[in-house]
Amino acid sequence: MITAKQAKQFYDDSGYEVEQFLTHSVETEVMNAAKGGKRDVFIHLGSVNQFEYLDRTITPLQQAVADKLKTLGYRADIKLDGDKYVPRGLADDNGNGPTIQNYGIQISW
């Protein structure tokens, strides 16, 4: 019987999770943008809290997806999107509260 560490390594090497993410989350967005005459698309991945850094927030899956897109000939960068904002449910009476900022993969071709 193989160890759990070996099984995880086989899974990571297979690239199954990356392929599923590309197929279900990225492919249709890229096709729709290209058919609509655009040369890039932004895919939202999550948000960064006020005192977090983007490079520490990016998951290994998200980085693997960006790397796979680069091998397919796309330009893929994980970056921040838009301005910082206070989520609706976390704002106090004055509109202050913890700020967050969205991030995602900017894909261009």
C-alpha atoms as a PDB file:
ATOM      1  CA  MET A   1       0.000   0.000   0.000  1.00  0.00           C
ATOM      2  CA  ILE A   2       1.306   3.462  -0.881  1.00  0.00           C
ATOM      3  CA  THR A   3       1.527   6.196   1.719  1.00  0.00           C
ATOM      4  CA  ALA A   4      -0.782   9.203   1.809  1.00  0.00           C
ATOM      5  CA  LYS A   5       2.156  11.404   0.822  1.00  0.00           C
ATOM      6  CA  GLN A   6       2.785   9.282  -2.282  1.00  0.00           C
ATOM      7  CA  ALA A   7      -0.919   9.335  -3.181  1.00  0.00           C
ATOM      8  CA  LYS A   8      -0.982  13.126  -2.879  1.00  0.00           C
ATOM      9  CA  GLN A   9       2.102  13.355  -5.098  1.00  0.00           C
ATOM     10  CA  PHE A  10       0.459  11.148  -7.761  1.00  0.00           C
ATOM     11  CA  TYR A  11      -2.645  13.365  -7.625  1.00  0.00           C
ATOM     12  CA  ASP A  12      -0.604  16.558  -7.936  1.00  0.00           C
ATOM     13  CA  ASP A  13       1.386  15.107 -10.826  1.00  0.00           C
ATOM     14  CA  SER A  14      -1.770  14.067 -12.682  1.00  0.00           C
ATOM     15  CA  GLY A  15      -2.943  17.670 -13.001  1.00  0.00           C
ATOM     16  CA  TYR A  16      -6.583  16.572 -12.730  1.00  0.00           C
ATOM     17  CA  GLU A  17      -7.650  19.426 -10.456  1.00  0.00           C
ATOM     18  CA  VAL A  18      -6.002  22.032 -12.692  1.00  0.00           C
ATOM     19  CA  GLU A  19      -7.649  20.587 -15.798  1.00  0.00           C
ATOM     20  CA  GLN A  20     -11.064  20.591 -14.087  1.00  0.00           C
ATOM     21  CA  PHE A  21     -10.664  24.235 -13.049  1.00  0.00           C
ATOM     22  CA  LEU A  22      -9.606  25.207 -16.577  1.00  0.00           C
ATOM     23  CA  THR A  23     -12.488  23.306 -18.159  1.00  0.00           C
ATOM     24  CA  HIS A  24     -15.255  24.498 -15.834  1.00  0.00           C
ATOM     25  CA  SER A  25     -14.140  27.992 -14.807  1.00  0.00           C
ATOM     26  CA  VAL A  26     -11.809  29.367 -17.455  1.00  0.00           C
ATOM     27  CA  GLU A  27     -12.560  27.870 -20.862  1.00  0.00           C
ATOM     28  CA  THR A  28     -16.070  29.297 -21.320  1.00  0.00           C
ATOM     29  CA  GLU A  29     -14.992  32.739 -20.096  1.00  0.00           C
ATOM     30  CA  VAL A  30     -12.101  32.828 -22.564  1.00  0.00           C
ATOM     31  CA  MET A  31     -14.289  31.591 -25.435  1.00  0.00           C
ATOM     32  CA  ASN A  32     -17.016  34.148 -24.713  1.00  0.00           C
ATOM     33  CA  ALA A  33     -14.506  36.996 -24.482  1.00  0.00           C
ATOM     34  CA  ALA A  34     -12.751  35.955 -27.704  1.00  0.00           C
ATOM     35  CA  LYS A  35     -16.046  35.611 -29.583  1.00  0.00           C
ATOM     36  CA  GLY A  36     -17.051  39.026 -28.257  1.00  0.00           C
ATOM     37  CA  GLY A  37     -13.975  40.655 -29.792  1.00  0.00           C
ATOM     38  CA  LYS A  38     -11.970  40.990 -26.589  1.00  0.00           C
ATOM     39  CA  ARG A  39      -8.305  40.126 -26.159  1.00  0.00           C
ATOM     40  CA  ASP A  40      -8.386  39.535 -22.423  1.00  0.00           C
ATOM     41  CA  VAL A  41     -10.597  38.360 -19.573  1.00  0.00           C
ATOM     42  CA  PHE A  42     -10.463  38.681 -15.793  1.00  0.00           C
ATOM     43  CA  ILE A  43     -11.567  35.747 -13.660  1.00  0.00           C
ATOM     44  CA  HIS A  44     -12.357  36.556 -10.028  1.00  0.00           C
ATOM     45  CA  LEU A  45     -10.681  34.186  -7.541  1.00  0.00           C
ATOM     46  CA  GLY A  46     -11.301  35.705  -4.135  1.00  0.00           C
ATOM     47  CA  SER A  47     -10.447  38.625  -1.918  1.00  0.00           C
ATOM     48  CA  VAL A  48      -7.574  39.780   0.245  1.00  0.00           C
ATOM     49  CA  ASN A  49      -8.254  41.085   3.740  1.00  0.00           C
ATOM     50  CA  GLN A  50      -6.881  44.364   5.000  1.00  0.00           C
ATOM     51  CA  PHE A  51      -3.658  43.014   6.523  1.00  0.00           C
ATOM     52  CA  GLU A  52      -2.968  40.106   4.154  1.00  0.00           C
ATOM     53  CA  TYR A  53      -0.570  40.005   1.231  1.00  0.00           C
ATOM     54  CA  LEU A  54      -1.634  38.755  -2.180  1.00  0.00           C
ATOM     55  CA  ASP A  55       1.354  36.427  -2.585  1.00  0.00           C
ATOM     56  CA  ARG A  56       0.414  34.651   0.657  1.00  0.00           C
ATOM     57  CA  THR A  57      -3.270  34.403  -0.309  1.00  0.00           C
ATOM     58  CA  ILE A  58      -2.769  32.678  -3.676  1.00  0.00           C
ATOM     59  CA  THR A  59      -3.416  28.953  -3.351  1.00  0.00           C
ATOM     60  CA  PRO A  60      -1.234  26.319  -5.032  1.00  0.00           C
ATOM     61  CA  LEU A  61      -4.172  25.466  -7.334  1.00  0.00           C
ATOM     62  CA  GLN A  62      -4.538  29.076  -8.461  1.00  0.00           C
ATOM     63  CA  GLN A  63      -0.801  29.328  -9.144  1.00  0.00           C
ATOM     64  CA  ALA A  64      -0.834  26.002 -11.022  1.00  0.00           C
ATOM     65  CA  VAL A  65      -3.713  27.250 -13.193  1.00  0.00           C
ATOM     66  CA  ALA A  66      -1.792  30.417 -14.052  1.00  0.00           C
ATOM     67  CA  ASP A  67       1.307  28.375 -14.872  1.00  0.00           C
ATOM     68  CA  LYS A  68      -0.692  25.984 -17.083  1.00  0.00           C
ATOM     69  CA  LEU A  69      -2.237  28.912 -18.962  1.00  0.00           C
ATOM     70  CA  LYS A  70       1.260  30.264 -19.631  1.00  0.00           C
ATOM     71  CA  THR A  71       2.335  26.912 -21.079  1.00  0.00           C
ATOM     72  CA  LEU A  72      -0.727  27.053 -23.365  1.00  0.00           C
ATOM     73  CA  GLY A  73       0.481  30.379 -24.784  1.00  0.00           C
ATOM     74  CA  TYR A  74      -1.652  32.779 -22.744  1.00  0.00           C
ATOM     75  CA  ARG A  75      -0.392  35.623 -20.652  1.00  0.00           C
ATOM     76  CA  ALA A  76      -1.761  34.968 -17.160  1.00  0.00           C
ATOM     77  CA  ASP A  77      -1.116  37.167 -14.139  1.00  0.00           C
ATOM     78  CA  ILE A  78      -2.692  36.926 -10.710  1.00  0.00           C
ATOM     79  CA  LYS A  79      -3.300  40.465  -9.543  1.00  0.00           C
ATOM     80  CA  LEU A  80      -5.519  42.750  -7.492  1.00  0.00           C
ATOM     81  CA  ASP A  81      -8.698  44.116  -9.038  1.00  0.00           C
ATOM     82  CA  GLY A  82     -10.475  47.364  -8.271  1.00  0.00           C
ATOM     83  CA  ASP A  83     -10.400  49.478  -5.145  1.00  0.00           C
ATOM     84  CA  LYS A  84     -10.464  48.398  -1.524  1.00  0.00           C
ATOM     85  CA  TYR A  85     -13.923  48.397   0.014  1.00  0.00           C
ATOM     86  CA  VAL A  86     -15.750  47.665   3.258  1.00  0.00           C
ATOM     87  CA  PRO A  87     -18.178  44.743   2.883  1.00  0.00           C
ATOM     88  CA  ARG A  88     -21.799  45.702   3.512  1.00  0.00           C
ATOM     89  CA  GLY A  89     -22.360  43.564   6.605  1.00  0.00           C
ATOM     90  CA  LEU A  90     -19.109  44.622   8.275  1.00  0.00           C
ATOM     91  CA  ALA A  91     -19.495  48.408   8.093  1.00  0.00           C
ATOM     92  CA  ASP A  92     -20.298  50.363  11.227  1.00  0.00           C
ATOM     93  CA  ASP A  93     -22.672  53.355  11.385  1.00  0.00           C
ATOM     94  CA  ASN A  94     -20.026  55.628   9.861  1.00  0.00           C
ATOM     95  CA  GLY A  95     -19.229  53.235   7.005  1.00  0.00           C
ATOM     96  CA  ASN A  96     -15.898  52.224   8.486  1.00  0.00           C
ATOM     97  CA  GLY A  97     -14.708  48.680   8.950  1.00  0.00           C
ATOM     98  CA  PRO A  98     -12.208  46.143   7.680  1.00  0.00           C
ATOM     99  CA  THR A  99     -11.344  46.675   4.033  1.00  0.00           C
ATOM    100  CA  ILE A 100     -10.894  43.944   1.467  1.00  0.00           C
ATOM    101  CA  GLN A 101      -9.807  43.915  -2.168  1.00  0.00           C
ATOM    102  CA  ASN A 102     -10.666  41.418  -4.875  1.00  0.00           C
ATOM    103  CA  TYR A 103      -8.073  39.502  -6.861  1.00  0.00           C
ATOM    104  CA  GLY A 104      -8.098  37.167  -9.837  1.00  0.00           C
ATOM    105  CA  ILE A 105      -6.344  35.939 -12.956  1.00  0.00           C
ATOM    106  CA  GLN A 106      -5.930  38.415 -15.812  1.00  0.00           C
ATOM    107  CA  ILE A 107      -5.718  36.275 -18.973  1.00  0.00           C
ATOM    108  CA  SER A 108      -4.792  37.789 -22.307  1.00  0.00           C
ATOM    109  CA  TRP A 109      -3.980  36.382 -25.742  1.00  0.00           C
END
